[in-house]
């Protein structure tokens, strides 16, 4: 695959065994599986083929330029018929919030693999990776207020709820999100 490695190579004992692999050229099928009406219902719906290919190229470029760290979530144990396959995506990037430079995170786990603790395990790994490789104190997430699963995930991983905020995702699509903040400087 790729010679870049992360410190995020195992989960805590509370979830399934997964690993995060840097997003690369062979990961378009994982991205395509995320681009369904069901998987994008909180994200403004599926993207066109051209936008999806642009995202694929952008995720790879992020690694080359250091702009962000996007990962494919890979199962190391069998859940259903999958083991050693990409079942989702997660990452973090720099942005600003309230005039302060912060990291933002986002994730998705394929519908058939939800409910097994995969997103929680992946987010815990991203938190550790951001502590080591990030450059800002705070990591924020902005799930829509009606995205019960993602809001519960933020709460369970120790994020602090800052409150509701107007948000735009995708660009031009106004939504209301909960702003969640995690202190990367805190050890827990």
N, C-alpha and C. Protein backbone atom coordinates (compact mmCIF):
# COMPACT_ATOMS: atom_id res chain seq x y z
N UNK A 1 0.84 -1.19 0.00
CA UNK A 1 0.00 0.00 0.00
C UNK A 1 0.87 1.23 0.00
N UNK A 2 1.07 1.86 1.11
CA UNK A 2 1.70 3.15 1.23
C UNK A 2 2.71 3.04 2.36
N UNK A 3 3.84 3.69 2.23
CA UNK A 3 4.85 3.55 3.27
C UNK A 3 4.62 4.50 4.45
N UNK A 4 3.62 5.35 4.36
CA UNK A 4 3.28 6.20 5.50
C UNK A 4 2.59 5.33 6.54
N UNK A 5 2.96 5.50 7.78
CA UNK A 5 2.30 4.75 8.84
C UNK A 5 1.78 5.74 9.87
N UNK A 6 0.87 5.28 10.66
CA UNK A 6 0.35 6.11 11.73
C UNK A 6 0.51 5.36 13.03
N UNK A 7 0.40 6.10 14.10
CA UNK A 7 0.40 5.46 15.41
C UNK A 7 -0.95 4.81 15.67
N UNK A 8 -1.90 5.08 14.79
CA UNK A 8 -3.25 4.55 14.94
C UNK A 8 -3.33 3.19 14.26
N UNK A 9 -2.84 2.17 14.91
CA UNK A 9 -2.83 0.85 14.28
C UNK A 9 -3.55 -0.23 15.08
N UNK A 10 -4.17 0.16 16.17
CA UNK A 10 -4.94 -0.81 16.95
C UNK A 10 -5.99 -0.05 17.74
N UNK A 11 -7.04 -0.72 18.13
CA UNK A 11 -8.08 -0.06 18.91
C UNK A 11 -7.92 -0.40 20.36
N UNK A 12 -8.63 0.36 21.17
CA UNK A 12 -8.74 0.00 22.58
C UNK A 12 -9.54 -1.31 22.64
N UNK A 13 -9.49 -1.96 23.75
CA UNK A 13 -10.14 -3.27 23.86
C UNK A 13 -11.66 -3.20 23.85
N UNK A 14 -12.25 -2.00 23.82
CA UNK A 14 -13.70 -1.87 23.90
C UNK A 14 -14.40 -1.99 22.56
N UNK A 15 -13.70 -2.16 21.46
CA UNK A 15 -14.36 -2.21 20.16
C UNK A 15 -13.77 -3.28 19.28
N UNK A 16 -14.27 -3.36 18.05
CA UNK A 16 -13.73 -4.35 17.12
C UNK A 16 -12.28 -4.00 16.77
N UNK A 17 -11.57 -4.98 16.28
CA UNK A 17 -10.20 -4.75 15.87
C UNK A 17 -10.22 -4.18 14.45
N UNK A 18 -9.77 -2.96 14.35
CA UNK A 18 -9.71 -2.29 13.06
C UNK A 18 -8.35 -1.63 12.92
N UNK A 19 -8.08 -1.14 11.73
CA UNK A 19 -6.90 -0.30 11.52
C UNK A 19 -7.30 0.80 10.55
N UNK A 20 -6.54 1.87 10.59
CA UNK A 20 -6.74 2.96 9.65
C UNK A 20 -5.58 2.95 8.68
N UNK A 21 -5.91 3.00 7.39
CA UNK A 21 -4.88 3.05 6.35
C UNK A 21 -5.02 4.37 5.62
N UNK A 22 -3.90 5.01 5.32
CA UNK A 22 -3.98 6.25 4.55
C UNK A 22 -4.76 6.04 3.25
N UNK A 23 -5.65 6.95 2.96
CA UNK A 23 -6.46 6.87 1.75
C UNK A 23 -5.54 6.92 0.54
N UNK A 24 -5.72 5.99 -0.41
CA UNK A 24 -4.84 5.92 -1.56
C UNK A 24 -5.57 5.62 -2.86
N UNK A 25 -4.81 5.43 -3.94
CA UNK A 25 -5.39 5.23 -5.27
C UNK A 25 -6.37 4.07 -5.37
N UNK A 26 -6.18 3.01 -4.60
CA UNK A 26 -7.05 1.83 -4.70
C UNK A 26 -8.32 1.96 -3.87
N UNK A 27 -8.55 3.10 -3.23
CA UNK A 27 -9.66 3.23 -2.30
C UNK A 27 -10.94 3.83 -2.89
N UNK A 28 -10.97 4.04 -4.20
CA UNK A 28 -12.18 4.56 -4.83
C UNK A 28 -13.40 3.68 -4.55
N UNK A 29 -13.30 2.34 -4.59
CA UNK A 29 -14.49 1.52 -4.29
C UNK A 29 -15.08 1.79 -2.90
N UNK A 30 -14.23 2.02 -1.91
CA UNK A 30 -14.73 2.35 -0.57
C UNK A 30 -15.49 3.67 -0.61
N UNK A 31 -14.96 4.65 -1.29
CA UNK A 31 -15.63 5.95 -1.43
C UNK A 31 -16.94 5.79 -2.18
N UNK A 32 -16.95 4.99 -3.22
CA UNK A 32 -18.18 4.78 -4.00
C UNK A 32 -19.28 4.14 -3.15
N UNK A 33 -18.90 3.22 -2.27
CA UNK A 33 -19.90 2.57 -1.41
C UNK A 33 -20.49 3.54 -0.38
N UNK A 34 -19.80 4.64 -0.13
CA UNK A 34 -20.30 5.67 0.78
C UNK A 34 -21.28 6.61 0.09
N UNK A 35 -21.36 6.56 -1.23
CA UNK A 35 -22.10 7.55 -2.04
C UNK A 35 -23.50 7.05 -2.42
N UNK A 36 -24.27 6.61 -1.43
CA UNK A 36 -25.63 6.13 -1.66
C UNK A 36 -26.60 7.08 -0.96
N UNK A 37 -27.87 7.06 -1.35
CA UNK A 37 -28.85 7.90 -0.65
C UNK A 37 -28.88 7.63 0.86
N UNK A 38 -28.84 6.37 1.25
CA UNK A 38 -28.87 6.02 2.67
C UNK A 38 -27.64 6.56 3.41
N UNK A 39 -26.46 6.41 2.81
CA UNK A 39 -25.22 6.83 3.46
C UNK A 39 -25.03 8.35 3.47
N UNK A 40 -25.68 9.05 2.56
CA UNK A 40 -25.47 10.50 2.46
C UNK A 40 -26.70 11.31 2.88
N UNK A 41 -27.64 10.68 3.57
CA UNK A 41 -28.88 11.39 3.93
C UNK A 41 -28.63 12.59 4.84
N UNK A 42 -27.57 12.58 5.63
CA UNK A 42 -27.25 13.73 6.48
C UNK A 42 -26.23 14.66 5.81
N UNK A 43 -25.83 14.33 4.59
CA UNK A 43 -24.77 15.08 3.91
C UNK A 43 -25.22 15.71 2.59
N UNK A 44 -26.52 15.84 2.40
CA UNK A 44 -27.00 16.49 1.18
C UNK A 44 -27.23 15.56 0.01
N UNK A 45 -27.10 14.25 0.19
CA UNK A 45 -27.36 13.30 -0.88
C UNK A 45 -26.11 12.90 -1.64
N UNK A 46 -26.23 11.90 -2.51
CA UNK A 46 -25.08 11.40 -3.27
C UNK A 46 -24.47 12.49 -4.17
N UNK A 47 -23.18 12.36 -4.39
CA UNK A 47 -22.46 13.26 -5.29
C UNK A 47 -22.47 12.71 -6.70
N UNK A 48 -22.33 13.59 -7.67
CA UNK A 48 -22.20 13.16 -9.06
C UNK A 48 -20.89 12.38 -9.21
N UNK A 49 -20.79 11.62 -10.29
CA UNK A 49 -19.56 10.85 -10.57
C UNK A 49 -18.36 11.79 -10.63
N UNK A 50 -18.51 12.94 -11.26
CA UNK A 50 -17.40 13.89 -11.39
C UNK A 50 -16.96 14.41 -10.01
N UNK A 51 -17.92 14.72 -9.14
CA UNK A 51 -17.57 15.19 -7.80
C UNK A 51 -16.93 14.08 -6.97
N UNK A 52 -17.41 12.87 -7.16
CA UNK A 52 -16.83 11.74 -6.43
C UNK A 52 -15.38 11.51 -6.85
N UNK A 53 -15.10 11.57 -8.15
CA UNK A 53 -13.73 11.41 -8.64
C UNK A 53 -12.85 12.56 -8.16
N UNK A 54 -13.41 13.77 -8.09
CA UNK A 54 -12.66 14.90 -7.56
C UNK A 54 -12.31 14.67 -6.10
N UNK A 55 -13.27 14.16 -5.31
CA UNK A 55 -13.02 13.86 -3.90
C UNK A 55 -11.93 12.79 -3.76
N UNK A 56 -12.00 11.77 -4.60
CA UNK A 56 -10.99 10.71 -4.60
C UNK A 56 -9.59 11.29 -4.81
N UNK A 57 -9.45 12.14 -5.79
CA UNK A 57 -8.15 12.79 -6.07
C UNK A 57 -7.74 13.70 -4.93
N UNK A 58 -8.70 14.45 -4.38
CA UNK A 58 -8.41 15.38 -3.28
C UNK A 58 -7.91 14.64 -2.04
N UNK A 59 -8.56 13.53 -1.68
CA UNK A 59 -8.13 12.77 -0.51
C UNK A 59 -6.69 12.27 -0.68
N UNK A 60 -6.32 11.87 -1.87
CA UNK A 60 -4.94 11.44 -2.12
C UNK A 60 -3.97 12.62 -2.04
N UNK A 61 -4.40 13.74 -2.62
CA UNK A 61 -3.55 14.96 -2.60
C UNK A 61 -3.29 15.40 -1.17
N UNK A 62 -4.28 15.28 -0.31
CA UNK A 62 -4.11 15.70 1.08
C UNK A 62 -2.89 15.04 1.72
N UNK A 63 -2.68 13.76 1.43
CA UNK A 63 -1.53 13.06 1.99
C UNK A 63 -0.23 13.63 1.41
N UNK A 64 -0.22 13.91 0.11
CA UNK A 64 1.00 14.43 -0.52
C UNK A 64 1.35 15.82 0.01
N UNK A 65 0.35 16.64 0.26
CA UNK A 65 0.59 18.03 0.66
C UNK A 65 0.57 18.23 2.17
N UNK A 66 0.06 17.26 2.90
CA UNK A 66 -0.06 17.41 4.34
C UNK A 66 -1.27 18.25 4.76
N UNK A 67 -2.19 18.53 3.84
CA UNK A 67 -3.37 19.36 4.14
C UNK A 67 -4.32 18.67 5.11
N UNK A 68 -4.40 17.36 5.06
CA UNK A 68 -5.33 16.61 5.89
C UNK A 68 -4.85 15.17 5.97
N UNK A 69 -5.48 14.42 6.84
CA UNK A 69 -5.16 13.00 6.99
C UNK A 69 -6.47 12.23 6.86
N UNK A 70 -6.69 11.66 5.68
CA UNK A 70 -7.90 10.88 5.40
C UNK A 70 -7.53 9.40 5.39
N UNK A 71 -8.38 8.60 6.02
CA UNK A 71 -8.10 7.18 6.19
C UNK A 71 -9.26 6.32 5.70
N UNK A 72 -8.91 5.12 5.30
CA UNK A 72 -9.88 4.06 5.04
C UNK A 72 -9.92 3.22 6.31
N UNK A 73 -11.13 2.90 6.78
CA UNK A 73 -11.31 2.06 7.97
C UNK A 73 -11.33 0.61 7.50
N UNK A 74 -10.42 -0.19 8.05
CA UNK A 74 -10.27 -1.58 7.62
C UNK A 74 -10.51 -2.50 8.81
N UNK A 75 -11.38 -3.50 8.60
CA UNK A 75 -11.65 -4.50 9.64
C UNK A 75 -10.51 -5.50 9.71
N UNK A 76 -10.06 -5.80 10.91
CA UNK A 76 -9.07 -6.85 11.11
C UNK A 76 -9.70 -8.10 11.69
N UNK A 77 -11.02 -8.09 11.82
CA UNK A 77 -11.73 -9.28 12.30
C UNK A 77 -12.99 -9.40 11.45
N UNK A 78 -13.55 -10.56 11.44
CA UNK A 78 -14.73 -10.78 10.61
C UNK A 78 -15.99 -10.28 11.30
N UNK A 79 -16.70 -9.42 10.60
CA UNK A 79 -18.05 -8.98 10.98
C UNK A 79 -18.86 -9.19 9.72
N UNK A 80 -19.82 -10.07 9.78
CA UNK A 80 -20.52 -10.45 8.55
C UNK A 80 -19.52 -11.22 7.69
N UNK A 81 -19.39 -10.86 6.44
CA UNK A 81 -18.48 -11.54 5.53
C UNK A 81 -17.17 -10.79 5.36
N UNK A 82 -16.99 -9.68 6.08
CA UNK A 82 -15.83 -8.82 5.83
C UNK A 82 -14.72 -9.02 6.86
N UNK A 83 -13.53 -9.08 6.36
CA UNK A 83 -12.32 -9.01 7.17
C UNK A 83 -11.23 -8.54 6.23
N UNK A 84 -10.50 -7.51 6.65
CA UNK A 84 -9.44 -6.97 5.81
C UNK A 84 -9.95 -6.09 4.68
N UNK A 85 -11.20 -5.65 4.76
CA UNK A 85 -11.74 -4.79 3.71
C UNK A 85 -12.08 -3.42 4.29
N UNK A 86 -12.12 -2.43 3.40
CA UNK A 86 -12.51 -1.08 3.81
C UNK A 86 -14.00 -1.02 4.01
N UNK A 87 -14.42 -0.55 5.18
CA UNK A 87 -15.84 -0.45 5.48
C UNK A 87 -16.26 0.98 5.80
N UNK A 88 -15.35 1.91 5.63
CA UNK A 88 -15.68 3.30 5.90
C UNK A 88 -14.49 4.21 5.73
N UNK A 89 -14.74 5.47 6.00
CA UNK A 89 -13.73 6.51 5.86
C UNK A 89 -13.78 7.42 7.08
N UNK A 90 -12.63 7.98 7.43
CA UNK A 90 -12.53 8.93 8.54
C UNK A 90 -11.29 9.77 8.32
N UNK A 91 -11.28 10.95 8.87
CA UNK A 91 -10.09 11.79 8.74
C UNK A 91 -10.23 13.09 9.50
N UNK A 92 -9.20 13.92 9.39
CA UNK A 92 -9.26 15.25 9.99
C UNK A 92 -8.45 16.21 9.14
N UNK A 93 -8.82 17.48 9.24
CA UNK A 93 -8.22 18.55 8.43
C UNK A 93 -8.25 19.83 9.22
N UNK A 94 -7.47 20.81 8.81
CA UNK A 94 -7.43 22.11 9.47
C UNK A 94 -8.52 23.02 8.92
N UNK A 95 -9.08 23.81 9.83
CA UNK A 95 -10.09 24.82 9.47
C UNK A 95 -10.05 25.88 10.56
N UNK A 96 -11.00 26.80 10.51
CA UNK A 96 -11.11 27.78 11.59
C UNK A 96 -12.52 27.71 12.17
N UNK A 97 -12.62 28.00 13.45
CA UNK A 97 -13.91 28.03 14.14
C UNK A 97 -13.82 29.13 15.19
N UNK A 98 -14.71 30.09 15.11
CA UNK A 98 -14.67 31.20 16.06
C UNK A 98 -13.39 31.99 15.98
N UNK A 99 -12.79 32.05 14.78
CA UNK A 99 -11.55 32.78 14.59
C UNK A 99 -10.30 32.05 15.03
N UNK A 100 -10.43 30.80 15.47
CA UNK A 100 -9.29 30.02 15.96
C UNK A 100 -9.00 28.85 15.01
N UNK A 101 -7.73 28.58 14.77
CA UNK A 101 -7.34 27.43 13.95
C UNK A 101 -7.61 26.15 14.75
N UNK A 102 -8.34 25.23 14.12
CA UNK A 102 -8.72 23.97 14.76
C UNK A 102 -8.65 22.87 13.71
N UNK A 103 -8.78 21.64 14.16
CA UNK A 103 -8.99 20.51 13.26
C UNK A 103 -10.47 20.18 13.27
N UNK A 104 -10.95 19.68 12.13
CA UNK A 104 -12.31 19.18 12.03
C UNK A 104 -12.22 17.72 11.61
N UNK A 105 -13.15 16.92 12.08
CA UNK A 105 -13.18 15.51 11.71
C UNK A 105 -14.53 15.14 11.12
N UNK A 106 -14.52 14.10 10.32
CA UNK A 106 -15.74 13.54 9.75
C UNK A 106 -15.52 12.07 9.48
N UNK A 107 -16.60 11.29 9.43
CA UNK A 107 -16.48 9.84 9.26
C UNK A 107 -17.74 9.28 8.61
N UNK A 108 -17.61 8.08 8.11
CA UNK A 108 -18.77 7.31 7.65
C UNK A 108 -18.40 5.84 7.69
N UNK A 109 -19.35 5.03 8.10
CA UNK A 109 -19.20 3.58 8.14
C UNK A 109 -20.37 3.00 7.36
N UNK A 110 -20.08 2.09 6.44
CA UNK A 110 -21.12 1.50 5.61
C UNK A 110 -22.25 0.94 6.46
N UNK A 111 -23.46 1.09 5.95
CA UNK A 111 -24.67 0.71 6.70
C UNK A 111 -24.61 -0.69 7.27
N UNK A 112 -24.14 -1.66 6.51
CA UNK A 112 -24.10 -3.04 6.97
C UNK A 112 -23.13 -3.29 8.11
N UNK A 113 -22.27 -2.33 8.41
CA UNK A 113 -21.28 -2.50 9.48
C UNK A 113 -21.52 -1.56 10.65
N UNK A 114 -22.59 -0.80 10.60
CA UNK A 114 -22.92 0.09 11.71
C UNK A 114 -23.47 -0.74 12.86
N UNK A 115 -23.30 -0.22 14.07
CA UNK A 115 -23.80 -0.92 15.25
C UNK A 115 -22.84 -1.92 15.85
N UNK A 116 -21.61 -1.96 15.33
CA UNK A 116 -20.61 -2.89 15.85
C UNK A 116 -19.46 -2.18 16.57
N UNK A 117 -19.56 -0.87 16.75
CA UNK A 117 -18.51 -0.11 17.41
C UNK A 117 -17.37 0.30 16.50
N UNK A 118 -17.54 0.13 15.19
CA UNK A 118 -16.47 0.46 14.24
C UNK A 118 -16.19 1.95 14.21
N UNK A 119 -17.24 2.78 14.15
CA UNK A 119 -17.03 4.23 14.11
C UNK A 119 -16.37 4.71 15.39
N UNK A 120 -16.77 4.16 16.52
CA UNK A 120 -16.15 4.56 17.79
C UNK A 120 -14.67 4.18 17.82
N UNK A 121 -14.37 2.98 17.40
CA UNK A 121 -12.96 2.54 17.38
C UNK A 121 -12.15 3.41 16.42
N UNK A 122 -12.72 3.72 15.26
CA UNK A 122 -12.02 4.55 14.27
C UNK A 122 -11.82 5.97 14.80
N UNK A 123 -12.83 6.51 15.45
CA UNK A 123 -12.69 7.87 15.98
C UNK A 123 -11.65 7.91 17.10
N UNK A 124 -11.59 6.89 17.93
CA UNK A 124 -10.56 6.84 18.96
C UNK A 124 -9.16 6.84 18.33
N UNK A 125 -9.01 6.10 17.23
CA UNK A 125 -7.72 6.08 16.54
C UNK A 125 -7.40 7.44 15.92
N UNK A 126 -8.39 8.10 15.36
CA UNK A 126 -8.15 9.43 14.79
C UNK A 126 -7.79 10.43 15.89
N UNK A 127 -8.42 10.32 17.03
CA UNK A 127 -8.06 11.21 18.15
C UNK A 127 -6.59 11.04 18.52
N UNK A 128 -6.14 9.80 18.60
CA UNK A 128 -4.72 9.54 18.91
C UNK A 128 -3.82 10.06 17.78
N UNK A 129 -4.21 9.83 16.54
CA UNK A 129 -3.42 10.30 15.41
C UNK A 129 -3.34 11.82 15.40
N UNK A 130 -4.45 12.48 15.69
CA UNK A 130 -4.47 13.95 15.71
C UNK A 130 -3.61 14.49 16.86
N UNK A 131 -3.58 13.77 17.98
CA UNK A 131 -2.70 14.19 19.09
C UNK A 131 -1.24 14.19 18.64
N UNK A 132 -0.87 13.16 17.89
CA UNK A 132 0.52 12.99 17.47
C UNK A 132 0.85 13.84 16.25
N UNK A 133 -0.04 13.86 15.28
CA UNK A 133 0.27 14.48 13.99
C UNK A 133 -0.44 15.80 13.72
N UNK A 134 -1.36 16.19 14.59
CA UNK A 134 -2.07 17.44 14.40
C UNK A 134 -1.26 18.63 14.88
N UNK A 135 -1.73 19.80 14.53
CA UNK A 135 -1.01 21.02 14.91
C UNK A 135 -1.87 21.98 15.71
N UNK A 136 -3.10 21.57 16.06
CA UNK A 136 -4.02 22.43 16.80
C UNK A 136 -4.48 21.74 18.08
N UNK A 137 -4.93 22.53 19.03
CA UNK A 137 -5.38 21.98 20.31
C UNK A 137 -6.72 21.27 20.19
N UNK A 138 -7.63 21.82 19.36
CA UNK A 138 -9.00 21.33 19.33
C UNK A 138 -9.32 20.55 18.08
N UNK A 139 -10.11 19.50 18.24
CA UNK A 139 -10.69 18.76 17.13
C UNK A 139 -12.20 18.90 17.25
N UNK A 140 -12.84 19.38 16.18
CA UNK A 140 -14.28 19.60 16.20
C UNK A 140 -15.00 18.68 15.23
N UNK A 141 -16.25 18.39 15.55
CA UNK A 141 -17.14 17.64 14.66
C UNK A 141 -18.47 18.38 14.61
N UNK A 142 -19.12 18.31 13.44
CA UNK A 142 -20.36 19.05 13.23
C UNK A 142 -21.47 18.17 12.66
N UNK A 143 -21.89 17.13 13.38
CA UNK A 143 -23.00 16.32 12.86
C UNK A 143 -24.31 17.11 12.91
N UNK A 144 -25.17 16.85 11.93
CA UNK A 144 -26.50 17.48 11.96
C UNK A 144 -27.18 17.15 13.27
N UNK A 145 -28.03 18.05 13.73
CA UNK A 145 -28.70 17.83 15.01
C UNK A 145 -29.56 16.58 15.00
N UNK A 146 -30.07 16.18 13.83
CA UNK A 146 -30.93 14.99 13.76
C UNK A 146 -30.15 13.70 13.47
N UNK A 147 -28.83 13.78 13.43
CA UNK A 147 -28.01 12.59 13.22
C UNK A 147 -27.70 11.99 14.60
N UNK A 148 -28.64 11.20 15.08
CA UNK A 148 -28.57 10.65 16.44
C UNK A 148 -27.28 9.85 16.65
N UNK A 149 -26.92 8.99 15.69
CA UNK A 149 -25.74 8.13 15.84
C UNK A 149 -24.44 8.92 15.97
N UNK A 150 -24.24 9.90 15.11
CA UNK A 150 -23.00 10.67 15.15
C UNK A 150 -22.92 11.55 16.39
N UNK A 151 -24.05 12.09 16.83
CA UNK A 151 -24.04 12.89 18.06
C UNK A 151 -23.74 12.01 19.27
N UNK A 152 -24.30 10.80 19.30
CA UNK A 152 -24.01 9.86 20.40
C UNK A 152 -22.54 9.46 20.37
N UNK A 153 -21.99 9.29 19.17
CA UNK A 153 -20.57 8.94 19.05
C UNK A 153 -19.68 10.02 19.64
N UNK A 154 -19.97 11.27 19.31
CA UNK A 154 -19.18 12.37 19.87
C UNK A 154 -19.24 12.36 21.40
N UNK A 155 -20.44 12.20 21.93
CA UNK A 155 -20.62 12.18 23.37
C UNK A 155 -19.82 11.02 23.99
N UNK A 156 -19.91 9.83 23.39
CA UNK A 156 -19.26 8.65 23.98
C UNK A 156 -17.74 8.71 23.90
N UNK A 157 -17.21 9.50 22.97
CA UNK A 157 -15.75 9.61 22.83
C UNK A 157 -15.19 10.80 23.60
N UNK A 158 -16.02 11.48 24.38
CA UNK A 158 -15.51 12.53 25.25
C UNK A 158 -15.49 13.93 24.66
N UNK A 159 -16.22 14.15 23.56
CA UNK A 159 -16.32 15.49 23.02
C UNK A 159 -17.24 16.33 23.91
N UNK A 160 -17.00 17.63 23.95
CA UNK A 160 -17.83 18.58 24.67
C UNK A 160 -18.80 19.22 23.68
N UNK A 161 -20.09 19.23 24.01
CA UNK A 161 -21.09 19.86 23.17
C UNK A 161 -21.05 21.37 23.38
N UNK A 162 -20.76 22.11 22.31
CA UNK A 162 -20.73 23.56 22.38
C UNK A 162 -22.10 24.16 22.10
N UNK A 163 -22.95 23.43 21.38
CA UNK A 163 -24.29 23.90 21.07
C UNK A 163 -24.59 23.77 19.60
N UNK A 164 -25.78 24.23 19.23
CA UNK A 164 -26.20 24.19 17.83
C UNK A 164 -25.62 25.37 17.07
N UNK A 165 -25.29 25.12 15.80
CA UNK A 165 -24.75 26.17 14.94
C UNK A 165 -25.28 25.99 13.53
N UNK A 166 -25.49 27.10 12.83
CA UNK A 166 -25.80 26.97 11.41
C UNK A 166 -24.55 26.47 10.70
N UNK A 167 -24.73 25.62 9.72
CA UNK A 167 -23.61 25.02 9.02
C UNK A 167 -24.02 24.88 7.57
N UNK A 168 -23.07 24.65 6.72
CA UNK A 168 -23.35 24.49 5.31
C UNK A 168 -22.62 23.26 4.79
N UNK A 169 -23.39 22.23 4.43
CA UNK A 169 -22.78 21.04 3.85
C UNK A 169 -23.80 20.27 3.03
N UNK A 170 -23.44 20.00 1.80
CA UNK A 170 -22.30 20.59 1.09
C UNK A 170 -22.51 22.09 0.88
N UNK A 171 -21.49 22.74 0.38
CA UNK A 171 -21.54 24.19 0.17
C UNK A 171 -22.84 24.54 -0.55
N UNK A 172 -23.55 25.52 0.01
CA UNK A 172 -24.82 25.93 -0.56
C UNK A 172 -26.03 25.23 0.04
N UNK A 173 -25.81 24.24 0.93
CA UNK A 173 -26.89 23.49 1.56
C UNK A 173 -26.90 23.81 3.07
N UNK A 174 -27.72 24.78 3.50
CA UNK A 174 -27.72 25.15 4.92
C UNK A 174 -28.36 24.05 5.78
N UNK A 175 -27.73 23.76 6.89
CA UNK A 175 -28.23 22.78 7.86
C UNK A 175 -27.97 23.33 9.26
N UNK A 176 -28.52 22.67 10.26
CA UNK A 176 -28.21 23.00 11.65
C UNK A 176 -27.45 21.81 12.23
N UNK A 177 -26.28 22.10 12.77
CA UNK A 177 -25.43 21.05 13.32
C UNK A 177 -25.17 21.30 14.79
N UNK A 178 -24.81 20.23 15.47
CA UNK A 178 -24.26 20.38 16.80
C UNK A 178 -22.76 20.55 16.64
N UNK A 179 -22.19 21.49 17.36
CA UNK A 179 -20.74 21.67 17.37
C UNK A 179 -20.20 20.94 18.59
N UNK A 180 -19.32 19.97 18.32
CA UNK A 180 -18.68 19.18 19.37
C UNK A 180 -17.19 19.47 19.34
N UNK A 181 -16.57 19.58 20.52
CA UNK A 181 -15.14 19.91 20.61
C UNK A 181 -14.43 18.91 21.51
N UNK A 182 -13.24 18.49 21.03
CA UNK A 182 -12.40 17.56 21.80
C UNK A 182 -11.05 18.22 22.02
N UNK A 183 -10.56 18.18 23.25
CA UNK A 183 -9.28 18.78 23.60
C UNK A 183 -8.17 17.77 23.35
N UNK A 184 -7.40 18.00 22.27
CA UNK A 184 -6.31 17.07 21.93
C UNK A 184 -5.14 17.14 22.90
N UNK A 185 -5.09 18.20 23.69
CA UNK A 185 -4.02 18.33 24.68
C UNK A 185 -4.31 17.55 25.96
N UNK A 186 -5.56 17.20 26.16
CA UNK A 186 -5.95 16.46 27.38
C UNK A 186 -5.63 14.98 27.18
N UNK A 187 -5.18 14.34 28.20
CA UNK A 187 -4.91 12.89 28.16
C UNK A 187 -5.94 12.22 29.04
N UNK A 188 -6.51 11.11 28.52
CA UNK A 188 -7.55 10.48 29.31
C UNK A 188 -7.53 9.02 29.28
